[in-house]
């Protein structure tokens, strides 16, 4: 038994509300042929879609065999449509590249029925609608009436309790329409058939009950269900719809084969996209590798050096720039004086700070310094050991110091170098001076 209780369905179009169904209550018998009549836009198709589970209602209730559908999940609706409902549409909705037999058998793909059984039941359904000799034809080889018969056979093959037909004769001529109506009347002997139509003559001739709608409300019912007439509702266990992986794979493969040109073009376009992505990723990886190598080579040429004494070189550079901008000023006796430059130079020397390299090395050897070691290419230590190298002069057999450079001693500028080393400490090793020999890095990759 199918009951609709105070059903309401509204559609929202922008700021407007369209009332398709307004507080509709009706009960259908298990075996009858019901025709729903009414002008366009009165809610006929909306009502059919709600009964078939293709659309949801806003309020009210749809009761199926005593069970309310208010708490139905998506899987419950799938099961309901697959086992209890058969659809017959005005536009047939057949798959044109498949045979008639395959079109009808396809509706059983979700019922876990073996392939041989599906074909056997599909052939029986087609024989019932008078298409026994048309099993291997394609829909494109058939007339409109024949295609509608195929659609009816497809709707009946799962033995549904309710058959819904939306304008089944709308695209057919009068002679073919009569044949389809005769078939639907025969089907209504053992199940509920609900048909939406604009043809009142066919409805009067073939239907056992006519319901007229206007503005979403029932205005007349030729044979309503009266009190005491309702049959006892019977609950039947239904299996959840599911498709086997092999069936899905076979259907997909057949669909690809029927459209070879489109499949090849899609595969070609997809391969171009994949190759393009691979090319972009390879170029990106190569550029990143090149940048990493340039960074490593640059850092190798200019390593980060930590001296035992640190002087703020920015102060010295600022003093030199100010000196160039201000120029030299002469005193009254003609000597050149640059008091500001000398003050800044002495200030920078005075601000020299001493670093605790012993504690820093202890930190590097601790677990906390492991992250720094992993980031650096190499960490090396220089203890300031001076290599003394002498060269014998060609004339006079006199030894001249090559390292440290003895040129400054020969020029009488050794005192100035000593003064610089005294003030600047370890910073002198980074400036041009007396060191000639430099130790090679222990890391072989840094020697190039």
Protein backbone atom coordinates (compact mmCIF):
# COMPACT_ATOMS: atom_id res chain seq x y z
CA UNK A 1 0.00 0.00 0.00
CA UNK A 2 1.31 3.44 -0.99
CA UNK A 3 0.12 6.49 1.00
CA UNK A 4 0.93 10.19 0.70
CA UNK A 5 0.04 12.22 3.80
CA UNK A 6 -0.17 16.04 3.67
CA UNK A 7 2.66 16.16 1.15
CA UNK A 8 4.24 19.56 0.37
CA UNK A 9 6.91 20.34 -2.23
CA UNK A 10 8.25 23.84 -2.92
CA UNK A 11 10.89 25.03 -5.38
CA UNK A 12 12.95 28.17 -4.82
CA UNK A 13 13.80 30.27 -7.88
CA UNK A 14 15.73 33.32 -6.70
CA UNK A 15 13.46 35.23 -4.32
CA UNK A 16 10.32 33.47 -5.47
CA UNK A 17 8.78 30.26 -4.16
CA UNK A 18 6.96 27.89 -6.51
CA UNK A 19 4.43 25.68 -4.72
CA UNK A 20 4.44 22.49 -6.79
CA UNK A 21 2.54 20.28 -4.30
CA UNK A 22 0.25 21.75 -1.63
CA UNK A 23 -0.90 19.56 1.29
CA UNK A 24 -1.69 16.53 -0.88
CA UNK A 25 -3.10 13.36 0.69
CA UNK A 26 -3.90 10.24 -1.34
CA UNK A 27 -3.74 6.44 -1.03
CA UNK A 28 -3.09 3.98 -3.88
CA UNK A 29 -4.18 0.35 -4.07
CA UNK A 30 -1.70 -2.43 -4.81
CA UNK A 31 -3.38 -3.34 -8.13
CA UNK A 32 -4.88 -0.53 -10.18
CA UNK A 33 -4.24 1.66 -13.21
CA UNK A 34 -4.19 5.31 -12.07
CA UNK A 35 -4.02 8.20 -14.51
CA UNK A 36 -3.06 11.64 -13.25
CA UNK A 37 -4.44 14.48 -15.36
CA UNK A 38 -4.06 18.22 -15.21
CA UNK A 39 -2.68 21.26 -17.03
CA UNK A 40 1.05 21.88 -17.42
CA UNK A 41 2.70 23.06 -14.22
CA UNK A 42 0.08 21.61 -11.89
CA UNK A 43 2.59 19.22 -10.20
CA UNK A 44 1.94 15.93 -12.03
CA UNK A 45 5.58 15.10 -12.85
CA UNK A 46 6.72 16.38 -9.43
CA UNK A 47 4.29 13.99 -7.74
CA UNK A 48 5.54 11.11 -9.89
CA UNK A 49 9.18 11.91 -9.06
CA UNK A 50 8.44 11.98 -5.32
CA UNK A 51 6.67 8.62 -5.50
CA UNK A 52 9.62 7.19 -7.46
CA UNK A 53 12.23 8.52 -5.03
CA UNK A 54 13.75 10.84 -7.64
CA UNK A 55 12.84 13.97 -5.66
CA UNK A 56 12.43 14.80 -1.96
CA UNK A 57 9.41 16.38 -0.34
CA UNK A 58 9.60 19.38 2.02
CA UNK A 59 7.03 18.23 4.53
CA UNK A 60 4.38 15.59 5.01
CA UNK A 61 5.07 11.89 4.66
CA UNK A 62 5.40 9.13 2.06
CA UNK A 63 4.46 5.74 3.54
CA UNK A 64 5.50 2.58 1.70
CA UNK A 65 4.03 -0.70 3.00
CA UNK A 66 3.55 0.80 6.43
CA UNK A 67 7.04 2.33 6.72
CA UNK A 68 7.60 6.07 6.70
CA UNK A 69 10.29 7.40 4.36
CA UNK A 70 11.20 10.37 6.59
CA UNK A 71 14.20 8.49 7.96
CA UNK A 72 15.26 6.97 4.61
CA UNK A 73 18.98 7.17 3.83
CA UNK A 74 20.44 7.41 0.33
CA UNK A 75 20.99 3.63 0.34
CA UNK A 76 17.36 3.05 1.35
CA UNK A 77 16.17 5.17 -1.57
CA UNK A 78 18.51 3.26 -3.92
CA UNK A 79 17.07 -0.04 -2.72
CA UNK A 80 13.52 1.29 -3.09
CA UNK A 81 14.08 2.48 -6.66
CA UNK A 82 15.87 -0.69 -7.68
CA UNK A 83 13.39 -3.24 -6.29
CA UNK A 84 10.00 -1.55 -5.90
CA UNK A 85 9.84 0.98 -8.73
CA UNK A 86 9.89 0.70 -12.54
CA UNK A 87 10.21 3.86 -14.67
CA UNK A 88 8.86 4.46 -18.16
CA UNK A 89 9.87 7.84 -19.60
CA UNK A 90 8.57 9.73 -22.60
CA UNK A 91 12.10 9.97 -24.10
CA UNK A 92 12.82 6.21 -23.66
CA UNK A 93 16.34 6.81 -22.16
CA UNK A 94 17.89 3.84 -23.94
CA UNK A 95 21.63 3.33 -24.53
CA UNK A 96 21.94 3.54 -28.28
CA UNK A 97 25.21 1.61 -28.73
CA UNK A 98 23.89 -1.43 -26.85
CA UNK A 99 21.44 -4.03 -28.12
CA UNK A 100 17.85 -4.27 -26.96
CA UNK A 101 18.70 -7.32 -24.84
CA UNK A 102 21.64 -5.51 -23.22
CA UNK A 103 19.52 -2.44 -22.45
CA UNK A 104 16.95 -4.51 -20.57
CA UNK A 105 19.54 -6.69 -18.80
CA UNK A 106 21.48 -3.63 -17.65
CA UNK A 107 18.82 -2.74 -15.09
CA UNK A 108 19.65 -6.00 -13.24
CA UNK A 109 23.37 -5.20 -12.98
CA UNK A 110 22.86 -3.79 -9.46
CA UNK A 111 20.87 -6.80 -8.22
CA UNK A 112 23.83 -9.20 -8.21
CA UNK A 113 22.12 -11.50 -10.72
CA UNK A 114 24.45 -13.77 -12.78
CA UNK A 115 24.93 -12.80 -16.42
CA UNK A 116 23.11 -15.85 -17.83
CA UNK A 117 20.13 -15.25 -15.56
CA UNK A 118 20.05 -11.55 -16.50
CA UNK A 119 19.89 -12.37 -20.22
CA UNK A 120 17.23 -15.04 -19.65
CA UNK A 121 14.97 -12.69 -17.67
CA UNK A 122 15.56 -9.83 -20.14
CA UNK A 123 14.52 -12.06 -23.04
CA UNK A 124 11.37 -13.10 -21.16
CA UNK A 125 10.46 -9.45 -20.47
CA UNK A 126 10.96 -8.54 -24.14
CA UNK A 127 8.80 -11.49 -25.19
CA UNK A 128 6.06 -10.23 -22.86
CA UNK A 129 5.98 -6.86 -24.66
CA UNK A 130 6.02 -8.48 -28.09
CA UNK A 131 9.70 -8.02 -29.04
CA UNK A 132 10.87 -11.62 -28.97
CA UNK A 133 12.44 -11.36 -32.44
CA UNK A 134 14.13 -7.98 -31.82
CA UNK A 135 16.68 -9.00 -29.14
CA UNK A 136 19.86 -8.17 -31.07
CA UNK A 137 18.72 -4.94 -32.69
CA UNK A 138 20.05 -1.54 -31.67
CA UNK A 139 17.53 1.13 -30.56
CA UNK A 140 18.48 3.18 -33.61
CA UNK A 141 17.05 0.41 -35.79
CA UNK A 142 13.62 0.51 -34.12
CA UNK A 143 10.50 2.69 -34.30
CA UNK A 144 9.28 4.91 -31.46
CA UNK A 145 6.63 2.40 -30.38
CA UNK A 146 9.19 -0.41 -30.29
CA UNK A 147 11.63 1.67 -28.24
CA UNK A 148 8.85 2.46 -25.76
CA UNK A 149 8.15 -1.27 -25.49
CA UNK A 150 11.83 -1.82 -24.71
CA UNK A 151 11.59 0.84 -21.99
CA UNK A 152 8.55 -0.95 -20.51
CA UNK A 153 10.36 -4.29 -20.61
CA UNK A 154 13.33 -2.69 -18.83
CA UNK A 155 10.98 -1.35 -16.16
CA UNK A 156 9.35 -4.75 -15.63
CA UNK A 157 12.41 -7.00 -15.64
CA UNK A 158 13.03 -6.56 -11.90
CA UNK A 159 9.37 -7.32 -11.15
CA UNK A 160 8.64 -4.01 -9.38
CA UNK A 161 5.56 -3.41 -7.25
CA UNK A 162 4.90 0.02 -8.81
CA UNK A 163 5.24 1.08 -12.45
CA UNK A 164 5.52 4.85 -13.07
CA UNK A 165 4.91 6.15 -16.58
CA UNK A 166 5.52 9.79 -17.46
CA UNK A 167 3.73 10.61 -20.73
CA UNK A 168 4.48 7.15 -22.24
CA UNK A 169 2.49 7.97 -25.40
CA UNK A 170 3.55 11.61 -25.78
CA UNK A 171 5.99 10.93 -28.63
CA UNK A 172 3.90 8.23 -30.37
CA UNK A 173 1.19 8.25 -33.01
CA UNK A 174 -2.38 7.29 -32.15
CA UNK A 175 -2.14 3.70 -33.38
CA UNK A 176 1.07 3.01 -31.44
CA UNK A 177 -0.35 4.81 -28.39
CA UNK A 178 -3.24 2.34 -28.26
CA UNK A 179 -0.80 -0.57 -28.33
CA UNK A 180 1.21 0.87 -25.45
CA UNK A 181 -1.94 1.56 -23.43
CA UNK A 182 -3.16 -2.02 -23.96
CA UNK A 183 0.18 -3.24 -22.66
CA UNK A 184 0.05 -1.01 -19.57
CA UNK A 185 -3.50 -2.11 -18.82
CA UNK A 186 -2.39 -5.75 -18.93
CA UNK A 187 0.50 -4.98 -16.60
CA UNK A 188 -1.83 -3.23 -14.10
CA UNK A 189 -3.65 -6.52 -13.40
CA UNK A 190 -0.98 -7.61 -10.91
CA UNK A 191 0.67 -4.33 -9.84
CA UNK A 192 0.13 -0.60 -9.36
CA UNK A 193 0.55 1.50 -12.50
CA UNK A 194 0.58 5.31 -12.14
CA UNK A 195 0.60 7.24 -15.41
CA UNK A 196 0.89 10.96 -16.03
CA UNK A 197 -0.78 12.04 -19.28
CA UNK A 198 -2.33 15.00 -21.10
CA UNK A 199 -4.70 12.75 -23.07
CA UNK A 200 -8.03 12.45 -21.18
CA UNK A 201 -9.50 10.12 -23.80
CA UNK A 202 -6.84 7.45 -23.25
CA UNK A 203 -7.18 7.89 -19.49
CA UNK A 204 -10.96 7.43 -19.62
CA UNK A 205 -10.67 4.35 -21.83
CA UNK A 206 -7.91 2.42 -20.07
CA UNK A 207 -7.55 3.67 -16.50
CA UNK A 208 -9.42 2.26 -13.54
CA UNK A 209 -8.97 5.49 -11.60
CA UNK A 210 -8.42 9.13 -12.63
CA UNK A 211 -6.97 11.80 -10.36
CA UNK A 212 -7.07 15.44 -11.50
CA UNK A 213 -4.61 17.99 -10.20
CA UNK A 214 -4.65 21.77 -10.30
CA UNK A 215 -2.05 24.04 -8.68
CA UNK A 216 -0.62 21.15 -6.69
CA UNK A 217 -3.96 20.12 -5.17
CA UNK A 218 -6.26 17.16 -5.96
CA UNK A 219 -9.51 18.57 -7.36
CA UNK A 220 -11.14 15.20 -8.15
CA UNK A 221 -10.62 11.47 -7.64
CA UNK A 222 -12.82 9.03 -9.55
CA UNK A 223 -12.26 6.06 -7.21
CA UNK A 224 -10.65 7.06 -3.89
CA UNK A 225 -9.69 4.46 -1.29
CA UNK A 226 -12.35 4.38 1.40
CA UNK A 227 -12.10 3.49 5.06
CA UNK A 228 -11.85 -0.21 5.74
CA UNK A 229 -10.68 -0.91 2.19
CA UNK A 230 -6.94 -0.64 2.95
CA UNK A 231 -5.13 -3.96 2.92
CA UNK A 232 -2.68 -5.03 5.55
CA UNK A 233 0.78 -3.74 4.77
CA UNK A 234 3.40 -6.40 4.12
CA UNK A 235 7.08 -5.77 4.70
CA UNK A 236 9.40 -7.59 2.30
CA UNK A 237 13.15 -7.76 2.98
CA UNK A 238 15.07 -6.17 0.12
CA UNK A 239 18.71 -6.63 -0.77
CA UNK A 240 20.92 -3.57 -1.00
CA UNK A 241 21.91 -2.78 -4.61
CA UNK A 242 25.52 -3.47 -5.52
CA UNK A 243 27.49 -4.02 -8.70
CA UNK A 244 30.32 -6.52 -8.99
CA UNK A 245 33.71 -5.18 -10.00
CA UNK A 246 33.85 -7.48 -13.03
CA UNK A 247 30.46 -6.24 -14.25
CA UNK A 248 31.48 -2.60 -13.85
CA UNK A 249 34.77 -3.26 -15.66
CA UNK A 250 33.02 -5.06 -18.51
CA UNK A 251 30.48 -2.25 -18.97
CA UNK A 252 33.24 0.37 -18.95
CA UNK A 253 35.33 -1.56 -21.47
CA UNK A 254 32.38 -2.02 -23.81
CA UNK A 255 31.56 1.67 -23.58
CA UNK A 256 35.15 2.56 -24.52
CA UNK A 257 35.10 0.22 -27.51
CA UNK A 258 31.89 1.71 -28.86
CA UNK A 259 33.48 5.18 -28.96
CA UNK A 260 36.98 4.40 -30.24
CA UNK A 261 37.62 7.84 -31.70
CA UNK A 262 36.70 9.69 -28.53
CA UNK A 263 38.64 7.18 -26.42
CA UNK A 264 41.79 7.63 -28.51
CA UNK A 265 41.53 11.43 -28.42
CA UNK A 266 40.98 11.37 -24.65
CA UNK A 267 43.96 9.04 -24.15
CA UNK A 268 46.13 11.24 -26.40
CA UNK A 269 45.14 14.41 -24.56
CA UNK A 270 45.70 12.70 -21.21
CA UNK A 271 49.17 11.49 -22.26
CA UNK A 272 50.10 15.03 -23.35
CA UNK A 273 49.05 16.30 -19.93
CA UNK A 274 51.03 13.61 -18.11
CA UNK A 275 54.12 14.21 -20.26
CA UNK A 276 53.80 17.96 -19.70
CA UNK A 277 53.59 17.54 -15.95
CA UNK A 278 56.60 15.19 -16.00
CA UNK A 279 58.59 17.68 -18.10
CA UNK A 280 57.75 20.57 -15.77
CA UNK A 281 58.72 18.52 -12.72
CA UNK A 282 62.01 17.43 -14.31
CA UNK A 283 62.89 21.03 -15.28
CA UNK A 284 61.98 22.22 -11.81
CA UNK A 285 64.10 19.50 -10.21
CA UNK A 286 67.04 20.27 -12.52
CA UNK A 287 66.88 24.03 -11.86
CA UNK A 288 66.66 23.44 -8.13
CA UNK A 289 69.69 21.14 -8.30
CA UNK A 290 71.63 23.77 -10.28
CA UNK A 291 70.71 26.48 -7.76
CA UNK A 292 71.81 24.22 -4.89
CA UNK A 293 75.19 23.60 -6.58
CA UNK A 294 75.71 27.32 -7.22
CA UNK A 295 74.88 28.08 -3.60
CA UNK A 296 77.28 25.41 -2.39
CA UNK A 297 80.08 26.65 -4.67
CA UNK A 298 79.47 30.25 -3.55
CA UNK A 299 79.53 29.33 0.12
CA UNK A 300 82.69 27.31 -0.50
CA UNK A 301 84.44 30.38 -1.93
CA UNK A 302 83.15 32.61 0.87
CA UNK A 303 82.86 30.46 3.98
CA UNK A 304 81.40 31.75 7.21
CA UNK A 305 84.37 32.56 9.45
CA UNK A 306 84.20 33.05 13.21
CA UNK A 307 87.33 34.69 14.68
CA UNK A 308 88.38 34.91 18.28
CA UNK A 309 88.02 38.71 17.98
CA UNK A 310 85.15 40.52 16.24
CA UNK A 311 85.23 44.10 15.08
CA UNK A 312 82.26 46.06 13.73
CA UNK A 313 83.42 46.67 10.17
CA UNK A 314 80.33 48.77 9.41
CA UNK A 315 81.67 51.54 11.63
CA UNK A 316 85.00 51.51 9.79
CA UNK A 317 83.31 51.53 6.37
CA UNK A 318 81.03 54.37 7.46
CA UNK A 319 84.04 56.39 8.61
CA UNK A 320 85.79 55.88 5.30
CA UNK A 321 82.67 56.93 3.34
CA UNK A 322 82.27 60.06 5.48
CA UNK A 323 85.90 60.88 4.86
CA UNK A 324 85.46 60.68 1.11
CA UNK A 325 82.33 62.85 1.22
CA UNK A 326 83.76 65.53 3.53
CA UNK A 327 87.20 65.63 1.93
CA UNK A 328 90.48 66.45 3.67
CA UNK A 329 90.87 69.61 5.67
CA UNK A 330 94.25 71.39 6.03
CA UNK A 331 95.33 73.16 9.19
CA UNK A 332 97.08 76.52 9.31
CA UNK A 333 100.52 74.87 9.08
CA UNK A 334 99.56 72.86 5.95
CA UNK A 335 99.26 69.40 7.58
CA UNK A 336 96.27 67.19 6.78
CA UNK A 337 93.98 66.31 9.63
CA UNK A 338 90.92 64.07 9.69
CA UNK A 339 89.83 64.02 13.29
CA UNK A 340 86.43 62.41 12.70
CA UNK A 341 87.93 59.53 10.71
CA UNK A 342 90.57 58.86 13.34
CA UNK A 343 87.96 58.92 16.11
CA UNK A 344 85.72 56.42 14.33
CA UNK A 345 88.69 54.18 13.50
CA UNK A 346 89.85 54.15 17.10
CA UNK A 347 86.26 53.64 18.24
CA UNK A 348 85.84 50.59 16.03
CA UNK A 349 89.09 49.15 17.33
CA UNK A 350 88.02 49.84 20.89
CA UNK A 351 84.67 48.09 20.28
CA UNK A 352 86.38 44.86 19.24
CA UNK A 353 84.78 41.94 21.08
CA UNK A 354 86.35 38.63 21.99
CA UNK A 355 84.48 35.45 21.11
CA UNK A 356 84.48 32.37 23.34
CA UNK A 357 85.45 29.83 20.68
CA UNK A 358 86.10 27.16 23.30
CA UNK A 359 82.46 27.21 24.41
CA UNK A 360 81.29 27.36 20.78
CA UNK A 361 83.29 24.25 19.88
CA UNK A 362 81.90 22.49 22.94
CA UNK A 363 78.39 23.36 21.72
CA UNK A 364 79.13 21.96 18.25
CA UNK A 365 80.24 18.66 19.76
CA UNK A 366 77.10 18.46 21.91
CA UNK A 367 73.73 17.01 20.75
CA UNK A 368 72.39 20.55 20.41
CA UNK A 369 74.89 21.39 17.67
CA UNK A 370 74.05 18.34 15.58
CA UNK A 371 71.50 20.27 13.48
CA UNK A 372 74.12 22.89 12.59
CA UNK A 373 76.57 20.15 11.58
CA UNK A 374 73.99 18.55 9.30
CA UNK A 375 73.33 21.91 7.60
CA UNK A 376 76.98 22.84 7.01
CA UNK A 377 79.09 21.22 4.30
CA UNK A 378 82.13 21.13 6.60
CA UNK A 379 83.31 22.62 9.89
CA UNK A 380 87.07 23.19 10.23
CA UNK A 381 89.28 24.78 12.84
CA UNK A 382 92.35 27.01 12.33
CA UNK A 383 94.65 27.44 15.31
CA UNK A 384 96.73 30.32 13.81
CA UNK A 385 99.93 28.33 13.40
CA UNK A 386 102.39 30.32 11.30
CA UNK A 387 104.54 28.39 8.81
CA UNK A 388 108.05 29.85 8.59
CA UNK A 389 109.52 29.49 5.10
CA UNK A 390 112.81 31.10 3.96
CA UNK A 391 114.33 31.59 0.54
CA UNK A 392 118.05 32.01 -0.21
CA UNK A 393 118.87 35.12 -2.21
CA UNK A 394 120.81 34.73 -5.42
CA UNK A 395 123.30 37.41 -4.37
CA UNK A 396 124.98 37.36 -1.02
CA UNK A 397 123.60 33.99 0.11
CA UNK A 398 121.26 35.83 2.50
CA UNK A 399 118.07 34.11 3.72
CA UNK A 400 114.88 36.06 3.25
CA UNK A 401 111.63 35.12 5.03
CA UNK A 402 108.96 34.08 2.53
CA UNK A 403 106.35 33.19 5.13
CA UNK A 404 105.71 35.28 7.09
CA UNK A 405 106.33 37.76 4.29
CA UNK A 406 109.63 39.60 4.97
CA UNK A 407 108.89 42.38 2.51
CA UNK A 408 107.47 44.61 5.21
CA UNK A 409 110.62 44.15 7.31
CA UNK A 410 112.76 45.13 4.33
CA UNK A 411 110.65 48.25 3.85
CA UNK A 412 110.77 49.11 7.54
CA UNK A 413 107.01 48.68 8.02
CA UNK A 414 107.09 45.76 10.43
CA UNK A 415 106.13 48.01 13.36
CA UNK A 416 102.94 49.05 11.57
CA UNK A 417 102.02 45.41 10.93
CA UNK A 418 102.64 44.51 14.54
CA UNK A 419 100.49 47.45 15.64
CA UNK A 420 97.69 46.29 13.37
CA UNK A 421 97.90 42.73 14.67
CA UNK A 422 97.92 44.01 18.24
CA UNK A 423 94.72 46.01 17.78
CA UNK A 424 92.84 43.74 15.38
CA UNK A 425 93.92 40.33 16.59
CA UNK A 426 92.42 37.52 14.56
CA UNK A 427 90.83 39.95 12.09
CA UNK A 428 94.23 40.54 10.54
CA UNK A 429 94.14 37.12 8.94
CA UNK A 430 91.23 38.23 6.79
CA UNK A 431 93.13 41.30 5.53
CA UNK A 432 96.15 41.57 3.25
CA UNK A 433 99.18 40.92 5.43
CA UNK A 434 102.10 38.69 5.93
CA UNK A 435 100.43 35.28 5.55
CA UNK A 436 101.41 33.53 2.31
CA UNK A 437 100.49 29.91 2.93
CA UNK A 438 96.90 28.81 3.52
CA UNK A 439 95.83 25.37 4.77
CA UNK A 440 93.71 23.28 2.41
CA UNK A 441 90.24 22.35 3.68
CA UNK A 442 89.95 18.83 5.02
CA UNK A 443 86.72 18.34 3.00
CA UNK A 444 87.82 17.32 -0.50
CA UNK A 445 84.73 18.77 -2.19
CA UNK A 446 85.72 22.24 -0.96
CA UNK A 447 89.20 22.27 -2.50
CA UNK A 448 88.15 23.00 -6.09
